[in-house]
Amino acid sequence: MSWTNIKFRWPAQATQWMDQMAGARNLIQGEMLSTGERVSKLADIATTSPGPIGGAAQAAISAGRTALAAQFDNVPSCIVVTPFQHGVGQGSGGHQRFLSAPNLLQLLADKLTDTTDAVRPQGQQSALVLIFLATRLDQLAATLGRFNVVLPMPDLVRAERRAEHLAKLEVEKWVMPIAGQMPLWSQLPLHRCPITKLASQSMAGQLAVLEGYAADSSPMADLADLQARKKAQAQERDQQLADLKAQFTNSADDVSIQSRMLGPGDLGQLRGELLEGEAPGHEWPLCAGALLVGSAESLSFVQELVGL
């Protein structure tokens, strides 16, 4: 067997399927002209009569949007403390970081009276505090994961990922990786060839037009299909809301996540109320927390969400 010099040429045999579409393209062009003439003739004799539901639903739509805006525009201020933040956790190195429950509460209380924070809440406020208790990295990741599914906060999401990765590193640090011998097999990138790329781009629109005419139907069939799709979409939205509500039905108490309402009062009073009373101790060496401060109305959504 001998080697042969290559000579680039158009793959006529491999792309002969393009020529088979010429007849269909000619039919499409003729049908487009005919359709345009029929539509212009119908313009003077066809009439439409919109249903009365649009006007009747306008009041409900306006009230719903107003209530939705009031629910989510009035949001409380939030501060999150995790053991992985700079200058917060105790321990040596970047991996072994600890933050016990009492120290966490002290940090949250100090942030209430931190005068160096320009965006600190002011005046009479209420507060909701959440603490996440754990003794191991994998436990902390699992606890934060359950909460982040419902109410993700960026700092808590980052803490969850870091705890999960550190726990995985602790398990897999003794595993020696094995790499395959180079080079490795892969698929031929035929889609990067200019011939196939330009051909696919030029033919995509024509194929779409062909598919549209292949699925041609009567106006009555189109209206029936539109009604069926709208009905299916409405049922799907209702089912999504029902499934979301079902997740919270008969949910068990999560002992690793504790919450508490504070106030109303000024920030000094909230700080004193946060530090008083019985709280988790140093038996929980790996904790994170979140403190939400705002009006009672702005905290009502989260308060009901966590079962307070």
C-alpha atoms as a PDB file:
ATOM      1  CA  MET A   1       0.000   0.000   0.000  1.00  0.00           C
ATOM      2  CA  SER A   2       1.406   3.388  -1.041  1.00  0.00           C
ATOM      3  CA  TRP A   3       0.858   6.908   0.210  1.00  0.00           C
ATOM      4  CA  THR A   4      -1.066   9.376  -1.980  1.00  0.00           C
ATOM      5  CA  ASN A   5      -0.945  13.155  -2.074  1.00  0.00           C
ATOM      6  CA  ILE A   6      -4.261  14.792  -1.164  1.00  0.00           C
ATOM      7  CA  LYS A   7      -6.231  17.102  -3.454  1.00  0.00           C
ATOM      8  CA  PHE A   8      -9.111  19.104  -1.986  1.00  0.00           C
ATOM      9  CA  ARG A   9     -12.376  18.944  -3.932  1.00  0.00           C
ATOM     10  CA  TRP A  10     -16.071  19.385  -3.256  1.00  0.00           C
ATOM     11  CA  PRO A  11     -17.596  16.159  -1.851  1.00  0.00           C
ATOM     12  CA  ALA A  12     -20.304  15.962  -4.518  1.00  0.00           C
ATOM     13  CA  GLN A  13     -21.354  12.394  -3.754  1.00  0.00           C
ATOM     14  CA  ALA A  14     -21.564  12.930   0.012  1.00  0.00           C
ATOM     15  CA  THR A  15     -23.648  16.099  -0.468  1.00  0.00           C
ATOM     16  CA  GLN A  16     -25.889  14.924  -3.288  1.00  0.00           C
ATOM     17  CA  TRP A  17     -28.850  15.026  -0.902  1.00  0.00           C
ATOM     18  CA  MET A  18     -28.825  18.815  -1.342  1.00  0.00           C
ATOM     19  CA  ASP A  19     -29.756  18.483  -5.017  1.00  0.00           C
ATOM     20  CA  GLN A  20     -32.761  16.355  -4.107  1.00  0.00           C
ATOM     21  CA  MET A  21     -34.331  19.376  -2.420  1.00  0.00           C
ATOM     22  CA  ALA A  22     -34.404  21.537  -5.557  1.00  0.00           C
ATOM     23  CA  GLY A  23     -37.882  20.380  -6.527  1.00  0.00           C
ATOM     24  CA  ALA A  24     -39.259  21.058  -3.084  1.00  0.00           C
ATOM     25  CA  ARG A  25     -37.700  24.531  -3.060  1.00  0.00           C
ATOM     26  CA  ASN A  26     -39.407  25.379  -6.354  1.00  0.00           C
ATOM     27  CA  LEU A  27     -42.737  24.222  -4.945  1.00  0.00           C
ATOM     28  CA  ILE A  28     -42.215  26.391  -1.872  1.00  0.00           C
ATOM     29  CA  GLN A  29     -41.535  29.518  -3.918  1.00  0.00           C
ATOM     30  CA  GLY A  30     -44.687  28.977  -5.937  1.00  0.00           C
ATOM     31  CA  GLU A  31     -46.719  28.302  -2.816  1.00  0.00           C
ATOM     32  CA  MET A  32     -45.436  31.498  -1.204  1.00  0.00           C
ATOM     33  CA  LEU A  33     -46.669  33.582  -4.137  1.00  0.00           C
ATOM     34  CA  SER A  34     -50.039  31.839  -4.082  1.00  0.00           C
ATOM     35  CA  THR A  35     -50.369  32.296  -0.321  1.00  0.00           C
ATOM     36  CA  GLY A  36     -49.620  36.004  -0.568  1.00  0.00           C
ATOM     37  CA  GLU A  37     -52.366  36.449  -3.158  1.00  0.00           C
ATOM     38  CA  ARG A  38     -54.920  34.557  -1.039  1.00  0.00           C
ATOM     39  CA  VAL A  39     -54.054  36.568   2.082  1.00  0.00           C
ATOM     40  CA  SER A  40     -54.448  39.875   0.241  1.00  0.00           C
ATOM     41  CA  LYS A  41     -57.910  38.789  -0.967  1.00  0.00           C
ATOM     42  CA  LEU A  42     -58.971  37.861   2.581  1.00  0.00           C
ATOM     43  CA  ALA A  43     -57.951  41.223   4.044  1.00  0.00           C
ATOM     44  CA  ASP A  44     -61.253  42.900   3.074  1.00  0.00           C
ATOM     45  CA  ILE A  45     -63.636  40.089   4.037  1.00  0.00           C
ATOM     46  CA  ALA A  46     -62.116  38.510   7.167  1.00  0.00           C
ATOM     47  CA  THR A  47     -63.028  39.926  10.596  1.00  0.00           C
ATOM     48  CA  THR A  48     -61.904  39.061  14.117  1.00  0.00           C
ATOM     49  CA  SER A  49     -63.783  39.268  17.402  1.00  0.00           C
ATOM     50  CA  PRO A  50     -61.555  39.180  20.528  1.00  0.00           C
ATOM     51  CA  GLY A  51     -63.066  37.468  23.544  1.00  0.00           C
ATOM     52  CA  PRO A  52     -64.181  39.357  26.672  1.00  0.00           C
ATOM     53  CA  ILE A  53     -61.687  37.643  28.978  1.00  0.00           C
ATOM     54  CA  GLY A  54     -58.938  40.206  28.351  1.00  0.00           C
ATOM     55  CA  GLY A  55     -60.825  43.118  29.900  1.00  0.00           C
ATOM     56  CA  ALA A  56     -62.254  41.016  32.704  1.00  0.00           C
ATOM     57  CA  ALA A  57     -58.830  39.706  33.696  1.00  0.00           C
ATOM     58  CA  GLN A  58     -57.121  43.112  33.618  1.00  0.00           C
ATOM     59  CA  ALA A  59     -58.099  43.977  37.210  1.00  0.00           C
ATOM     60  CA  ALA A  60     -56.882  40.626  38.525  1.00  0.00           C
ATOM     61  CA  ILE A  61     -53.634  40.972  36.572  1.00  0.00           C
ATOM     62  CA  SER A  62     -52.989  44.458  37.986  1.00  0.00           C
ATOM     63  CA  ALA A  63     -53.720  43.351  41.560  1.00  0.00           C
ATOM     64  CA  GLY A  64     -51.541  40.269  41.191  1.00  0.00           C
ATOM     65  CA  ARG A  65     -48.568  42.211  39.852  1.00  0.00           C
ATOM     66  CA  THR A  66     -48.914  44.802  42.622  1.00  0.00           C
ATOM     67  CA  ALA A  67     -48.975  42.096  45.298  1.00  0.00           C
ATOM     68  CA  LEU A  68     -46.013  40.319  43.705  1.00  0.00           C
ATOM     69  CA  ALA A  69     -43.986  43.527  43.595  1.00  0.00           C
ATOM     70  CA  ALA A  70     -44.833  44.327  47.216  1.00  0.00           C
ATOM     71  CA  GLN A  71     -43.800  40.820  48.292  1.00  0.00           C
ATOM     72  CA  PHE A  72     -40.376  40.768  46.675  1.00  0.00           C
ATOM     73  CA  ASP A  73     -39.385  44.438  46.407  1.00  0.00           C
ATOM     74  CA  ASN A  74     -39.476  45.026  50.180  1.00  0.00           C
ATOM     75  CA  VAL A  75     -36.575  42.765  51.153  1.00  0.00           C
ATOM     76  CA  PRO A  76     -34.618  42.865  54.442  1.00  0.00           C
ATOM     77  CA  SER A  77     -30.900  43.463  54.868  1.00  0.00           C
ATOM     78  CA  CYS A  78     -28.805  40.338  55.271  1.00  0.00           C
ATOM     79  CA  ILE A  79     -25.393  39.424  56.691  1.00  0.00           C
ATOM     80  CA  VAL A  80     -23.884  35.939  56.392  1.00  0.00           C
ATOM     81  CA  VAL A  81     -21.013  34.579  58.503  1.00  0.00           C
ATOM     82  CA  THR A  82     -19.148  31.382  57.580  1.00  0.00           C
ATOM     83  CA  PRO A  83     -15.905  29.861  58.868  1.00  0.00           C
ATOM     84  CA  PHE A  84     -14.302  30.223  55.423  1.00  0.00           C
ATOM     85  CA  GLN A  85     -14.501  34.017  55.254  1.00  0.00           C
ATOM     86  CA  HIS A  86     -11.253  35.929  55.691  1.00  0.00           C
ATOM     87  CA  GLY A  87     -10.558  36.736  59.327  1.00  0.00           C
ATOM     88  CA  VAL A  88     -13.617  34.883  60.612  1.00  0.00           C
ATOM     89  CA  GLY A  89     -12.812  31.212  61.099  1.00  0.00           C
ATOM     90  CA  GLN A  90     -10.278  29.867  63.562  1.00  0.00           C
ATOM     91  CA  GLY A  91      -7.542  27.396  62.725  1.00  0.00           C
ATOM     92  CA  SER A  92      -4.363  27.160  60.677  1.00  0.00           C
ATOM     93  CA  GLY A  93      -4.033  27.058  56.911  1.00  0.00           C
ATOM     94  CA  GLY A  94      -6.727  27.431  54.325  1.00  0.00           C
ATOM     95  CA  HIS A  95      -8.372  24.041  54.843  1.00  0.00           C
ATOM     96  CA  GLN A  96      -8.811  23.545  58.592  1.00  0.00           C
ATOM     97  CA  ARG A  97     -11.204  26.322  59.579  1.00  0.00           C
ATOM     98  CA  PHE A  98     -13.517  26.218  62.596  1.00  0.00           C
ATOM     99  CA  LEU A  99     -16.235  28.468  64.003  1.00  0.00           C
ATOM    100  CA  SER A 100     -18.170  27.342  67.070  1.00  0.00           C
ATOM    101  CA  ALA A 101     -21.774  28.334  67.698  1.00  0.00           C
ATOM    102  CA  PRO A 102     -21.083  30.848  70.543  1.00  0.00           C
ATOM    103  CA  ASN A 103     -18.386  32.587  68.491  1.00  0.00           C
ATOM    104  CA  LEU A 104     -20.743  32.709  65.520  1.00  0.00           C
ATOM    105  CA  LEU A 105     -23.447  34.431  67.564  1.00  0.00           C
ATOM    106  CA  GLN A 106     -20.893  36.914  68.907  1.00  0.00           C
ATOM    107  CA  LEU A 107     -19.791  37.804  65.366  1.00  0.00           C
ATOM    108  CA  LEU A 108     -23.382  38.279  64.243  1.00  0.00           C
ATOM    109  CA  ALA A 109     -24.085  40.471  67.279  1.00  0.00           C
ATOM    110  CA  ASP A 110     -20.981  42.579  66.648  1.00  0.00           C
ATOM    111  CA  LYS A 111     -22.103  43.253  63.063  1.00  0.00           C
ATOM    112  CA  LEU A 112     -25.260  44.890  64.406  1.00  0.00           C
ATOM    113  CA  THR A 113     -23.178  47.622  66.055  1.00  0.00           C
ATOM    114  CA  ASP A 114     -20.367  47.778  63.484  1.00  0.00           C
ATOM    115  CA  THR A 115     -20.114  51.513  62.798  1.00  0.00           C
ATOM    116  CA  THR A 116     -17.555  50.974  60.017  1.00  0.00           C
ATOM    117  CA  ASP A 117     -20.207  49.358  57.808  1.00  0.00           C
ATOM    118  CA  ALA A 118     -21.810  52.128  55.743  1.00  0.00           C
ATOM    119  CA  VAL A 119     -24.804  50.008  54.687  1.00  0.00           C
ATOM    120  CA  ARG A 120     -25.675  48.875  58.210  1.00  0.00           C
ATOM    121  CA  PRO A 121     -29.442  49.026  58.934  1.00  0.00           C
ATOM    122  CA  GLN A 122     -30.625  51.941  61.045  1.00  0.00           C
ATOM    123  CA  GLY A 123     -33.588  52.727  63.283  1.00  0.00           C
ATOM    124  CA  GLN A 124     -36.222  50.460  64.763  1.00  0.00           C
ATOM    125  CA  GLN A 125     -35.994  47.036  63.158  1.00  0.00           C
ATOM    126  CA  SER A 126     -36.901  43.402  63.599  1.00  0.00           C
ATOM    127  CA  ALA A 127     -34.464  40.561  62.969  1.00  0.00           C
ATOM    128  CA  LEU A 128     -34.433  36.877  62.114  1.00  0.00           C
ATOM    129  CA  VAL A 129     -31.314  34.838  62.857  1.00  0.00           C
ATOM    130  CA  LEU A 130     -30.448  31.456  61.345  1.00  0.00           C
ATOM    131  CA  ILE A 131     -27.594  29.238  62.527  1.00  0.00           C
ATOM    132  CA  PHE A 132     -26.362  26.082  60.813  1.00  0.00           C
ATOM    133  CA  LEU A 133     -24.780  23.562  63.198  1.00  0.00           C
ATOM    134  CA  ALA A 134     -22.267  20.880  62.238  1.00  0.00           C
ATOM    135  CA  THR A 135     -19.296  18.940  63.549  1.00  0.00           C
ATOM    136  CA  ARG A 136     -17.847  17.779  60.208  1.00  0.00           C
ATOM    137  CA  LEU A 137     -17.342  19.328  56.799  1.00  0.00           C
ATOM    138  CA  ASP A 138     -19.638  16.876  55.028  1.00  0.00           C
ATOM    139  CA  GLN A 139     -22.339  17.528  57.632  1.00  0.00           C
ATOM    140  CA  LEU A 140     -22.014  21.295  57.139  1.00  0.00           C
ATOM    141  CA  ALA A 141     -22.230  20.888  53.356  1.00  0.00           C
ATOM    142  CA  ALA A 142     -25.351  18.732  53.658  1.00  0.00           C
ATOM    143  CA  THR A 143     -27.003  21.155  56.090  1.00  0.00           C
ATOM    144  CA  LEU A 144     -26.310  24.184  53.917  1.00  0.00           C
ATOM    145  CA  GLY A 145     -27.413  22.245  50.852  1.00  0.00           C
ATOM    146  CA  ARG A 146     -30.867  21.580  52.305  1.00  0.00           C
ATOM    147  CA  PHE A 147     -31.329  25.272  53.042  1.00  0.00           C
ATOM    148  CA  ASN A 148     -29.862  26.561  49.770  1.00  0.00           C
ATOM    149  CA  VAL A 149     -32.377  24.525  47.799  1.00  0.00           C
ATOM    150  CA  VAL A 150     -35.133  26.671  49.328  1.00  0.00           C
ATOM    151  CA  LEU A 151     -33.452  30.055  49.927  1.00  0.00           C
ATOM    152  CA  PRO A 152     -29.966  30.282  48.386  1.00  0.00           C
ATOM    153  CA  MET A 153     -27.700  33.068  49.629  1.00  0.00           C
ATOM    154  CA  PRO A 154     -24.430  33.613  47.717  1.00  0.00           C
ATOM    155  CA  ASP A 155     -22.163  33.320  50.772  1.00  0.00           C
ATOM    156  CA  LEU A 156     -23.967  30.197  51.983  1.00  0.00           C
ATOM    157  CA  VAL A 157     -23.752  28.633  48.520  1.00  0.00           C
ATOM    158  CA  ARG A 158     -20.001  29.300  48.423  1.00  0.00           C
ATOM    159  CA  ALA A 159     -19.605  27.848  51.919  1.00  0.00           C
ATOM    160  CA  GLU A 160     -21.565  24.749  50.901  1.00  0.00           C
ATOM    161  CA  ARG A 161     -19.358  24.169  47.858  1.00  0.00           C
ATOM    162  CA  ARG A 162     -16.143  24.722  49.784  1.00  0.00           C
ATOM    163  CA  ALA A 163     -17.178  22.406  52.615  1.00  0.00           C
ATOM    164  CA  GLU A 164     -18.218  19.772  50.082  1.00  0.00           C
ATOM    165  CA  HIS A 165     -14.923  20.021  48.190  1.00  0.00           C
ATOM    166  CA  LEU A 166     -12.842  19.954  51.380  1.00  0.00           C
ATOM    167  CA  ALA A 167     -14.721  16.879  52.604  1.00  0.00           C
ATOM    168  CA  LYS A 168     -14.135  15.206  49.249  1.00  0.00           C
ATOM    169  CA  LEU A 169     -10.457  16.179  49.350  1.00  0.00           C
ATOM    170  CA  GLU A 170     -10.107  14.659  52.806  1.00  0.00           C
ATOM    171  CA  VAL A 171     -11.411  11.344  51.494  1.00  0.00           C
ATOM    172  CA  GLU A 172      -9.617  11.287  48.142  1.00  0.00           C
ATOM    173  CA  LYS A 173      -6.260  12.796  49.071  1.00  0.00           C
ATOM    174  CA  TRP A 174      -4.662   9.333  49.294  1.00  0.00           C
ATOM    175  CA  VAL A 175      -5.978   8.186  45.907  1.00  0.00           C
ATOM    176  CA  MET A 176      -3.294   8.207  43.220  1.00  0.00           C
ATOM    177  CA  PRO A 177      -4.685   9.362  39.862  1.00  0.00           C
ATOM    178  CA  ILE A 178      -4.024   7.249  36.788  1.00  0.00           C
ATOM    179  CA  ALA A 179      -3.793   8.998  33.435  1.00  0.00           C
ATOM    180  CA  GLY A 180      -4.118   7.292  30.075  1.00  0.00           C
ATOM    181  CA  GLN A 181      -1.199   7.104  27.669  1.00  0.00           C
ATOM    182  CA  MET A 182      -1.027  10.101  25.357  1.00  0.00           C
ATOM    183  CA  PRO A 183      -2.377  10.820  22.822  1.00  0.00           C
ATOM    184  CA  LEU A 184      -6.050  10.023  23.485  1.00  0.00           C
ATOM    185  CA  TRP A 185      -8.829   9.033  21.088  1.00  0.00           C
ATOM    186  CA  SER A 186     -11.518  11.598  20.231  1.00  0.00           C
ATOM    187  CA  GLN A 187     -14.283  12.168  17.688  1.00  0.00           C
ATOM    188  CA  LEU A 188     -13.425  13.640  14.291  1.00  0.00           C
ATOM    189  CA  PRO A 189     -14.498  17.339  14.426  1.00  0.00           C
ATOM    190  CA  LEU A 190     -16.336  17.185  11.109  1.00  0.00           C
ATOM    191  CA  HIS A 191     -18.561  20.108  12.112  1.00  0.00           C
ATOM    192  CA  ARG A 192     -15.510  22.402  11.980  1.00  0.00           C
ATOM    193  CA  CYS A 193     -14.921  21.713   8.291  1.00  0.00           C
ATOM    194  CA  PRO A 194     -15.817  24.862   6.267  1.00  0.00           C
ATOM    195  CA  ILE A 195     -17.667  22.749   3.709  1.00  0.00           C
ATOM    196  CA  THR A 196     -20.035  21.160   6.193  1.00  0.00           C
ATOM    197  CA  LYS A 197     -20.336  24.364   8.244  1.00  0.00           C
ATOM    198  CA  LEU A 198     -21.359  26.580   5.325  1.00  0.00           C
ATOM    199  CA  ALA A 199     -23.539  23.887   3.811  1.00  0.00           C
ATOM    200  CA  SER A 200     -25.414  23.341   7.066  1.00  0.00           C
ATOM    201  CA  GLN A 201     -25.917  27.086   7.512  1.00  0.00           C
ATOM    202  CA  SER A 202     -27.259  27.555   3.998  1.00  0.00           C
ATOM    203  CA  MET A 203     -29.533  24.526   4.170  1.00  0.00           C
ATOM    204  CA  ALA A 204     -30.880  25.040   7.687  1.00  0.00           C
ATOM    205  CA  GLY A 205     -33.336  27.734   6.649  1.00  0.00           C
ATOM    206  CA  GLN A 206     -34.538  25.787   3.631  1.00  0.00           C
ATOM    207  CA  LEU A 207     -35.039  22.680   5.734  1.00  0.00           C
ATOM    208  CA  ALA A 208     -37.035  24.710   8.247  1.00  0.00           C
ATOM    209  CA  VAL A 209     -39.295  26.022   5.486  1.00  0.00           C
ATOM    210  CA  LEU A 210     -39.764  22.502   4.148  1.00  0.00           C
ATOM    211  CA  GLU A 211     -40.665  21.234   7.590  1.00  0.00           C
ATOM    212  CA  GLY A 212     -43.153  24.079   7.981  1.00  0.00           C
ATOM    213  CA  TYR A 213     -44.953  23.161   4.778  1.00  0.00           C
ATOM    214  CA  ALA A 214     -44.766  19.466   5.584  1.00  0.00           C
ATOM    215  CA  ALA A 215     -46.655  20.233   8.796  1.00  0.00           C
ATOM    216  CA  ASP A 216     -49.171  22.476   7.004  1.00  0.00           C
ATOM    217  CA  SER A 217     -52.694  22.297   8.382  1.00  0.00           C
ATOM    218  CA  SER A 218     -55.978  24.160   8.299  1.00  0.00           C
ATOM    219  CA  PRO A 219     -56.666  27.273  10.436  1.00  0.00           C
ATOM    220  CA  MET A 220     -59.191  25.332  12.514  1.00  0.00           C
ATOM    221  CA  ALA A 221     -56.597  22.676  13.267  1.00  0.00           C
ATOM    222  CA  ASP A 222     -54.093  25.392  14.202  1.00  0.00           C
ATOM    223  CA  LEU A 223     -56.590  26.992  16.591  1.00  0.00           C
ATOM    224  CA  ALA A 224     -57.389  23.635  18.168  1.00  0.00           C
ATOM    225  CA  ASP A 225     -53.685  22.919  18.597  1.00  0.00           C
ATOM    226  CA  LEU A 226     -53.122  26.379  20.130  1.00  0.00           C
ATOM    227  CA  GLN A 227     -55.965  25.829  22.597  1.00  0.00           C
ATOM    228  CA  ALA A 228     -54.597  22.414  23.562  1.00  0.00           C
ATOM    229  CA  ARG A 229     -51.104  23.832  24.118  1.00  0.00           C
ATOM    230  CA  LYS A 230     -52.406  26.687  26.276  1.00  0.00           C
ATOM    231  CA  LYS A 231     -54.430  24.243  28.346  1.00  0.00           C
ATOM    232  CA  ALA A 232     -51.392  21.982  28.771  1.00  0.00           C
ATOM    233  CA  GLN A 233     -49.230  24.962  29.795  1.00  0.00           C
ATOM    234  CA  ALA A 234     -51.777  26.048  32.416  1.00  0.00           C
ATOM    235  CA  GLN A 235     -51.968  22.520  33.818  1.00  0.00           C
ATOM    236  CA  GLU A 236     -48.169  22.315  33.889  1.00  0.00           C
ATOM    237  CA  ARG A 237     -47.895  25.590  35.863  1.00  0.00           C
ATOM    238  CA  ASP A 238     -50.533  24.391  38.337  1.00  0.00           C
ATOM    239  CA  GLN A 239     -48.705  21.090  38.753  1.00  0.00           C
ATOM    240  CA  GLN A 240     -45.377  22.850  39.328  1.00  0.00           C
ATOM    241  CA  LEU A 241     -46.917  24.960  42.099  1.00  0.00           C
ATOM    242  CA  ALA A 242     -48.582  21.889  43.615  1.00  0.00           C
ATOM    243  CA  ASP A 243     -45.289  19.961  43.550  1.00  0.00           C
ATOM    244  CA  LEU A 244     -43.500  22.897  45.203  1.00  0.00           C
ATOM    245  CA  LYS A 245     -46.091  23.058  47.986  1.00  0.00           C
ATOM    246  CA  ALA A 246     -45.887  19.279  48.442  1.00  0.00           C
ATOM    247  CA  GLN A 247     -42.177  19.561  49.293  1.00  0.00           C
ATOM    248  CA  PHE A 248     -43.086  21.477  52.456  1.00  0.00           C
ATOM    249  CA  THR A 249     -45.993  19.256  53.502  1.00  0.00           C
ATOM    250  CA  ASN A 250     -45.303  17.241  56.666  1.00  0.00           C
ATOM    251  CA  SER A 251     -41.623  18.241  56.669  1.00  0.00           C
ATOM    252  CA  ALA A 252     -39.686  17.140  59.749  1.00  0.00           C
ATOM    253  CA  ASP A 253     -37.833  19.481  62.106  1.00  0.00           C
ATOM    254  CA  ASP A 254     -34.214  20.015  61.064  1.00  0.00           C
ATOM    255  CA  VAL A 255     -32.185  19.939  64.288  1.00  0.00           C
ATOM    256  CA  SER A 256     -29.048  21.186  62.512  1.00  0.00           C
ATOM    257  CA  ILE A 257     -30.725  24.464  61.478  1.00  0.00           C
ATOM    258  CA  GLN A 258     -32.069  26.717  64.234  1.00  0.00           C
ATOM    259  CA  SER A 259     -33.826  30.068  63.909  1.00  0.00           C
ATOM    260  CA  ARG A 260     -35.006  32.854  66.182  1.00  0.00           C
ATOM    261  CA  MET A 261     -36.949  36.107  65.885  1.00  0.00           C
ATOM    262  CA  LEU A 262     -35.627  39.287  67.521  1.00  0.00           C
ATOM    263  CA  GLY A 263     -37.180  42.683  68.184  1.00  0.00           C
ATOM    264  CA  PRO A 264     -38.596  45.002  67.297  1.00  0.00           C
ATOM    265  CA  GLY A 265     -36.053  47.449  68.645  1.00  0.00           C
ATOM    266  CA  ASP A 266     -32.951  49.428  67.762  1.00  0.00           C
ATOM    267  CA  LEU A 267     -29.722  47.675  66.802  1.00  0.00           C
ATOM    268  CA  GLY A 268     -28.359  47.782  70.346  1.00  0.00           C
ATOM    269  CA  GLN A 269     -31.465  46.103  71.693  1.00  0.00           C
ATOM    270  CA  LEU A 270     -31.337  43.477  68.952  1.00  0.00           C
ATOM    271  CA  ARG A 271     -27.698  42.773  69.826  1.00  0.00           C
ATOM    272  CA  GLY A 272     -28.484  42.248  73.504  1.00  0.00           C
ATOM    273  CA  GLU A 273     -31.460  40.034  72.689  1.00  0.00           C
ATOM    274  CA  LEU A 274     -29.340  37.927  70.336  1.00  0.00           C
ATOM    275  CA  LEU A 275     -26.710  37.203  73.000  1.00  0.00           C
ATOM    276  CA  GLU A 276     -29.091  36.440  75.849  1.00  0.00           C
ATOM    277  CA  GLY A 277     -30.813  33.151  76.551  1.00  0.00           C
ATOM    278  CA  GLU A 278     -29.741  29.554  76.033  1.00  0.00           C
ATOM    279  CA  ALA A 279     -27.960  28.843  72.753  1.00  0.00           C
ATOM    280  CA  PRO A 280     -25.938  25.997  71.174  1.00  0.00           C
ATOM    281  CA  GLY A 281     -22.488  25.643  72.695  1.00  0.00           C
ATOM    282  CA  HIS A 282     -18.948  24.801  71.659  1.00  0.00           C
ATOM    283  CA  GLU A 283     -19.927  21.193  70.979  1.00  0.00           C
ATOM    284  CA  TRP A 284     -20.719  22.500  67.483  1.00  0.00           C
ATOM    285  CA  PRO A 285     -17.276  23.513  66.145  1.00  0.00           C
ATOM    286  CA  LEU A 286     -18.237  24.073  62.507  1.00  0.00           C
ATOM    287  CA  CYS A 287     -21.110  26.540  62.110  1.00  0.00           C
ATOM    288  CA  ALA A 288     -22.430  29.221  59.781  1.00  0.00           C
ATOM    289  CA  GLY A 289     -25.138  31.803  60.261  1.00  0.00           C
ATOM    290  CA  ALA A 290     -27.293  34.453  58.621  1.00  0.00           C
ATOM    291  CA  LEU A 291     -28.887  37.529  60.175  1.00  0.00           C
ATOM    292  CA  LEU A 292     -31.798  39.229  58.408  1.00  0.00           C
ATOM    293  CA  VAL A 293     -32.759  42.726  59.571  1.00  0.00           C
ATOM    294  CA  GLY A 294     -35.752  44.714  58.363  1.00  0.00           C
ATOM    295  CA  SER A 295     -39.362  45.532  59.040  1.00  0.00           C
ATOM    296  CA  ALA A 296     -41.744  42.876  60.280  1.00  0.00           C
ATOM    297  CA  GLU A 297     -43.477  42.891  56.887  1.00  0.00           C
ATOM    298  CA  SER A 298     -40.230  42.319  54.973  1.00  0.00           C
ATOM    299  CA  LEU A 299     -39.327  39.382  57.237  1.00  0.00           C
ATOM    300  CA  SER A 300     -42.763  37.746  57.062  1.00  0.00           C
ATOM    301  CA  PHE A 301     -41.963  35.613  54.007  1.00  0.00           C
ATOM    302  CA  VAL A 302     -38.777  34.089  55.460  1.00  0.00           C
ATOM    303  CA  GLN A 303     -40.362  33.849  58.915  1.00  0.00           C
ATOM    304  CA  GLU A 304     -43.194  31.733  57.565  1.00  0.00           C
ATOM    305  CA  LEU A 305     -40.816  29.803  55.321  1.00  0.00           C
ATOM    306  CA  VAL A 306     -38.710  28.583  58.263  1.00  0.00           C
ATOM    307  CA  GLY A 307     -41.741  27.847  60.430  1.00  0.00           C
ATOM    308  CA  LEU A 308     -41.527  30.636  63.020  1.00  0.00           C
END
